[in-house]
Protein backbone atom coordinates (compact mmCIF):
# COMPACT_ATOMS: atom_id res chain seq x y z
CA UNK A 1 0.23 0.05 -0.04
CA UNK A 2 1.36 3.49 -1.15
CA UNK A 3 2.00 5.91 2.10
CA UNK A 4 -0.62 8.04 1.93
CA UNK A 5 2.09 11.20 3.35
CA UNK A 6 3.54 11.03 0.23
CA UNK A 7 1.81 13.22 -2.90
CA UNK A 8 4.10 12.12 -5.93
CA UNK A 9 5.72 9.16 -6.42
CA UNK A 10 8.24 9.17 -9.65
CA UNK A 11 9.20 6.11 -11.48
CA UNK A 12 12.21 6.42 -13.65
CA UNK A 13 13.52 3.33 -15.28
CA UNK A 14 17.36 3.01 -16.35
CA UNK A 15 16.74 3.79 -19.95
CA UNK A 16 15.28 7.13 -18.86
CA UNK A 17 18.22 8.07 -16.27
CA UNK A 18 20.33 7.04 -19.46
CA UNK A 19 18.56 9.45 -21.51
CA UNK A 20 18.46 12.48 -18.73
CA UNK A 21 22.21 12.06 -18.33
CA UNK A 22 22.61 11.94 -22.37
CA UNK A 23 20.97 15.42 -22.27
CA UNK A 24 22.44 16.92 -19.81
CA UNK A 25 26.28 16.34 -21.16
CA UNK A 26 24.76 17.58 -24.95
CA UNK A 27 23.81 20.88 -23.15
CA UNK A 28 26.72 20.97 -20.88
CA UNK A 29 29.10 20.43 -23.83
CA UNK A 30 26.94 23.00 -26.27
CA UNK A 31 27.12 25.57 -23.05
CA UNK A 32 30.82 25.21 -23.11
CA UNK A 33 31.25 25.59 -26.99
CA UNK A 34 28.98 28.34 -26.42
CA UNK A 35 32.07 30.08 -23.55
CA UNK A 36 34.40 29.55 -25.99
CA UNK A 37 32.73 31.08 -29.14
CA UNK A 38 31.42 33.75 -27.29
CA UNK A 39 34.87 34.79 -25.27
CA UNK A 40 36.60 34.33 -28.47
CA UNK A 41 34.45 36.51 -30.43
CA UNK A 42 34.16 39.19 -27.67
CA UNK A 43 38.27 39.83 -27.59
CA UNK A 44 38.30 39.14 -31.47
CA UNK A 45 36.08 42.57 -31.75
CA UNK A 46 39.47 44.44 -29.72
CA UNK A 47 41.44 42.75 -31.73
CA UNK A 48 43.10 41.23 -28.09
CA UNK A 49 44.90 38.23 -27.33
CA UNK A 50 43.61 36.53 -24.21
CA UNK A 51 44.74 33.88 -22.45
CA UNK A 52 42.84 30.28 -22.85
CA UNK A 53 42.78 29.99 -19.49
CA UNK A 54 39.41 32.30 -19.32
CA UNK A 55 37.82 29.93 -20.71
CA UNK A 56 38.77 26.28 -19.09
CA UNK A 57 38.03 28.56 -15.81
CA UNK A 58 34.28 28.89 -17.19
CA UNK A 59 34.37 25.59 -18.32
CA UNK A 60 35.08 23.99 -15.26
CA UNK A 61 32.76 25.90 -13.23
CA UNK A 62 29.61 24.67 -15.85
CA UNK A 63 31.17 21.20 -15.22
CA UNK A 64 31.10 21.91 -11.67
CA UNK A 65 27.45 23.13 -10.74
CA UNK A 66 26.05 20.77 -13.57
CA UNK A 67 27.03 17.49 -12.30
CA UNK A 68 26.81 14.33 -14.44
CA UNK A 69 24.96 11.32 -11.95
CA UNK A 70 26.71 8.06 -11.69
């Protein structure tokens, strides 16, 4: 018997978890590509060279804040 105190029960199948992880990975990769393009284009308009470390730091923050579930 279901617990009457639980309003919603969610059942997630393993295939659903894989699909959700794949979607998150795809979105995360797209965000990191966007960051790289935005930084590159921004500094290019001023004809300024920049350190690739900035892109790496921002992409690391994306991975830290949006980790994949294992």
